[in-house]
Amino acid sequence: MLLRAKHVDDRGNAIVLRPSIRSAVTRERELDYVTSTSRIRPDKSRLEAWGKAQARVISIYAVVQFVLYIAMFAGPMLVGKTPFSYRGSNSLSLALTEKLFGPVTNNEFVHGMIHYGYLAVLVGSGVLMVAPAMALSVRAAPGPYCYRRLLLRRCPSCDFSLMEITAEADGCTVCPECGSGWRIPAEAITPGTPTRSRWD
């Protein structure tokens, strides 16, 4: 649900933007390629709006991670609690595990492994944040997201290709997959434009 956002298409119809993380990464790579090779000249201000949205998402995530790190690791260490001497509520990670899965055996080694397991998840999720940020930013800036997808002639709602579809009388190109209508920017790629290098 976090990767979905309510929006309206260019005909004013209510739609839901629902990108997958995989499609978000793929389309960003394609857009980076066509812009870096000067195959299109997009509106830079609209591209910057998307970058700012991503920066906000990553900043919020980083703050949450820092707070969790202090609560689970650095805080207890500062008051003399090592990971292998946690007991009950002295460890947020242990308390969370007991809340989710029930009582944990009174074993210092098990307590330490639980603690470091949560720490590994925090670090790992931070490293892998780039891909989710692309999708989560849809909720923060649906307009710029739609613009970026339309530059590639892709439906912002379902990612269906609009490459060979003719615009209707009102100037909107209707997606045959989800029925949403979009006005393709004049600077969008044209049919036959390569969106990936031959090395991809």
Protein backbone atom coordinates (compact mmCIF):
# COMPACT_ATOMS: atom_id res chain seq x y z
CA MET A 1 0.00 0.00 0.00
CA LEU A 2 2.89 2.40 0.63
CA LEU A 3 3.79 2.17 -3.04
CA ARG A 4 0.37 3.43 -4.15
CA ALA A 5 -0.90 6.97 -4.42
CA LYS A 6 -4.25 8.47 -5.37
CA HIS A 7 -4.09 10.93 -8.23
CA VAL A 8 -6.06 12.17 -11.26
CA ASP A 9 -5.25 11.68 -14.93
CA ASP A 10 -5.26 14.48 -17.51
CA ARG A 11 -9.00 14.01 -18.01
CA GLY A 12 -9.71 14.58 -14.33
CA ASN A 13 -10.55 10.96 -13.58
CA ALA A 14 -9.49 9.53 -10.21
CA ILE A 15 -6.80 6.90 -10.59
CA VAL A 16 -4.30 5.02 -8.45
CA LEU A 17 -0.58 5.14 -9.21
CA ARG A 18 0.80 1.73 -8.33
CA PRO A 19 4.41 1.30 -9.43
CA SER A 20 6.37 -1.76 -8.43
CA ILE A 21 9.92 -1.31 -7.14
CA ARG A 22 11.18 -3.25 -10.15
CA SER A 23 9.41 -1.00 -12.66
CA ALA A 24 10.53 2.11 -10.75
CA VAL A 25 14.18 1.09 -11.02
CA THR A 26 13.85 0.03 -14.66
CA ARG A 27 12.14 3.23 -15.81
CA GLU A 28 14.58 5.43 -13.91
CA ARG A 29 17.48 3.70 -15.64
CA GLU A 30 15.80 4.18 -19.02
CA LEU A 31 15.08 7.84 -18.34
CA ASP A 32 18.63 8.45 -17.14
CA TYR A 33 19.90 6.91 -20.37
CA VAL A 34 17.74 8.94 -22.75
CA THR A 35 18.42 12.20 -20.89
CA SER A 36 22.16 11.61 -20.58
CA THR A 37 22.45 10.87 -24.30
CA SER A 38 20.44 14.02 -25.18
CA ARG A 39 17.75 11.99 -26.91
CA ILE A 40 15.17 14.18 -25.16
CA ARG A 41 15.25 17.59 -23.52
CA PRO A 42 12.88 17.42 -20.53
CA ASP A 43 11.64 20.23 -18.31
CA LYS A 44 14.45 20.40 -15.75
CA SER A 45 12.29 22.06 -13.07
CA ARG A 46 9.85 19.13 -13.15
CA LEU A 47 12.71 16.66 -12.93
CA GLU A 48 14.16 18.57 -9.97
CA ALA A 49 10.79 18.36 -8.19
CA TRP A 50 11.06 14.58 -8.31
CA GLY A 51 14.60 14.71 -6.94
CA LYS A 52 13.45 16.86 -4.03
CA ALA A 53 10.66 14.39 -3.26
CA GLN A 54 13.15 11.53 -3.16
CA ALA A 55 15.44 13.55 -0.91
CA ARG A 56 12.57 14.12 1.55
CA VAL A 57 11.72 10.41 1.62
CA ILE A 58 15.32 9.38 2.21
CA SER A 59 15.78 12.08 4.89
CA ILE A 60 12.72 10.91 6.83
CA TYR A 61 13.86 7.30 6.54
CA ALA A 62 17.35 8.22 7.74
CA VAL A 63 15.94 10.00 10.82
CA VAL A 64 13.77 6.98 11.67
CA GLN A 65 16.76 4.69 11.29
CA PHE A 66 18.89 6.90 13.53
CA VAL A 67 16.25 6.93 16.28
CA LEU A 68 15.88 3.15 16.10
CA TYR A 69 19.65 2.71 16.16
CA ILE A 70 19.96 4.84 19.31
CA ALA A 71 17.08 3.00 20.99
CA MET A 72 18.25 -0.50 20.09
CA PHE A 73 22.00 -0.22 20.17
CA ALA A 74 23.83 2.98 21.07
CA GLY A 75 21.53 4.02 23.94
CA PRO A 76 21.82 0.81 25.98
CA MET A 77 25.57 0.66 25.30
CA LEU A 78 25.99 4.17 26.72
CA VAL A 79 24.48 3.09 30.01
CA GLY A 80 26.67 0.02 30.26
CA LYS A 81 24.38 -2.61 28.74
CA THR A 82 26.22 -4.85 26.31
CA PRO A 83 24.20 -6.79 23.69
CA PHE A 84 24.83 -10.02 25.62
CA SER A 85 23.57 -8.71 28.96
CA TYR A 86 20.13 -7.45 27.91
CA ARG A 87 17.16 -8.39 30.04
CA GLY A 88 13.49 -7.73 29.30
CA SER A 89 12.66 -4.10 28.65
CA ASN A 90 16.33 -3.06 28.74
CA SER A 91 16.43 -4.14 25.08
CA LEU A 92 13.97 -2.67 22.58
CA SER A 93 14.89 -5.39 20.10
CA LEU A 94 14.24 -8.13 22.66
CA ALA A 95 11.00 -6.51 23.80
CA LEU A 96 9.83 -6.26 20.19
CA THR A 97 10.66 -9.92 19.55
CA GLU A 98 8.72 -11.00 22.65
CA LYS A 99 5.78 -8.87 21.56
CA LEU A 100 5.70 -10.41 18.09
CA PHE A 101 6.69 -14.01 18.75
CA GLY A 102 6.20 -14.63 22.46
CA PRO A 103 8.65 -15.24 25.34
CA VAL A 104 12.34 -15.55 24.46
CA THR A 105 14.58 -18.04 26.25
CA ASN A 106 16.72 -16.56 29.01
CA ASN A 107 19.98 -17.06 27.17
CA GLU A 108 22.54 -14.29 26.72
CA PHE A 109 23.75 -15.64 23.38
CA VAL A 110 20.21 -15.74 21.98
CA HIS A 111 19.58 -12.21 23.26
CA GLY A 112 22.72 -10.96 21.54
CA MET A 113 21.86 -12.65 18.24
CA ILE A 114 18.37 -11.13 18.28
CA HIS A 115 19.85 -7.71 18.89
CA TYR A 116 22.44 -7.95 16.14
CA GLY A 117 19.81 -9.39 13.81
CA TYR A 118 17.74 -6.24 14.14
CA LEU A 119 20.86 -4.14 13.69
CA ALA A 120 21.66 -6.02 10.46
CA VAL A 121 18.14 -5.36 9.18
CA LEU A 122 18.49 -1.64 9.92
CA VAL A 123 21.83 -1.38 8.12
CA GLY A 124 20.71 -3.56 5.23
CA SER A 125 17.49 -1.64 4.68
CA GLY A 126 19.46 1.60 4.64
CA VAL A 127 21.77 0.29 1.92
CA LEU A 128 18.79 -0.89 -0.14
CA MET A 129 16.79 2.32 0.33
CA VAL A 130 17.45 3.71 -3.16
CA ALA A 131 14.98 1.41 -4.92
CA PRO A 132 12.10 1.82 -2.43
CA ALA A 133 12.67 5.59 -2.39
CA MET A 134 11.85 5.74 -6.10
CA ALA A 135 8.48 4.10 -5.45
CA LEU A 136 7.72 5.78 -2.11
CA SER A 137 8.32 9.19 -3.68
CA VAL A 138 5.21 8.64 -5.78
CA ARG A 139 3.16 9.51 -2.70
CA ALA A 140 5.21 12.66 -2.10
CA ALA A 141 5.17 13.96 -5.69
CA PRO A 142 2.66 12.22 -7.98
CA GLY A 143 2.79 15.01 -10.58
CA PRO A 144 6.53 14.83 -11.28
CA TYR A 145 6.32 11.04 -11.20
CA CYS A 146 3.67 11.08 -13.95
CA TYR A 147 5.78 13.48 -16.02
CA ARG A 148 8.80 11.19 -15.84
CA ARG A 149 6.77 8.18 -16.97
CA LEU A 150 5.11 10.09 -19.80
CA LEU A 151 8.52 11.15 -21.08
CA LEU A 152 9.04 7.45 -21.77
CA ARG A 153 5.50 7.13 -23.17
CA ARG A 154 4.51 4.84 -20.31
CA CYS A 155 1.20 4.96 -18.47
CA PRO A 156 1.93 6.39 -15.00
CA SER A 157 -0.86 4.30 -13.50
CA CYS A 158 -0.04 0.79 -14.79
CA ASP A 159 3.27 1.20 -16.69
CA PHE A 160 1.68 0.03 -19.97
CA SER A 161 3.44 1.28 -23.11
CA LEU A 162 1.67 4.15 -24.89
CA MET A 163 4.25 4.25 -27.68
CA GLU A 164 2.05 3.24 -30.62
CA ILE A 165 -1.27 4.68 -29.38
CA THR A 166 -2.75 7.71 -31.13
CA ALA A 167 -4.04 10.65 -29.12
CA GLU A 168 -7.78 11.32 -29.18
CA ALA A 169 -9.54 14.59 -30.07
CA ASP A 170 -8.92 16.15 -26.64
CA GLY A 171 -5.19 15.47 -26.93
CA CYS A 172 -5.19 12.63 -24.41
CA THR A 173 -3.71 9.23 -25.11
CA VAL A 174 -5.88 6.58 -23.48
CA CYS A 175 -4.17 3.60 -21.91
CA PRO A 176 -5.78 0.39 -23.23
CA GLU A 177 -4.79 -1.43 -20.04
CA CYS A 178 -6.31 0.75 -17.31
CA GLY A 179 -8.34 3.36 -19.27
CA SER A 180 -6.59 6.45 -17.87
CA GLY A 181 -6.01 9.38 -20.24
CA TRP A 182 -2.74 11.29 -20.51
CA ARG A 183 -1.33 14.17 -22.53
CA ILE A 184 2.08 13.08 -23.73
CA PRO A 185 4.65 15.91 -23.34
CA ALA A 186 6.04 17.30 -26.59
CA GLU A 187 9.54 16.47 -25.37
CA ALA A 188 8.74 12.77 -24.83
CA ILE A 189 10.66 10.11 -26.69
CA THR A 190 9.44 9.18 -30.16
CA PRO A 191 8.66 5.64 -31.35
CA GLY A 192 11.88 3.79 -32.06
CA THR A 193 14.02 5.79 -29.62
CA PRO A 194 16.41 3.44 -27.78
CA THR A 195 15.86 3.57 -24.02
CA ARG A 196 18.78 1.32 -23.11
CA SER A 197 22.35 1.05 -24.24
CA ARG A 198 23.43 -2.15 -25.96
CA TRP A 199 25.46 -2.98 -22.84
CA ASP A 200 22.43 -3.14 -20.52
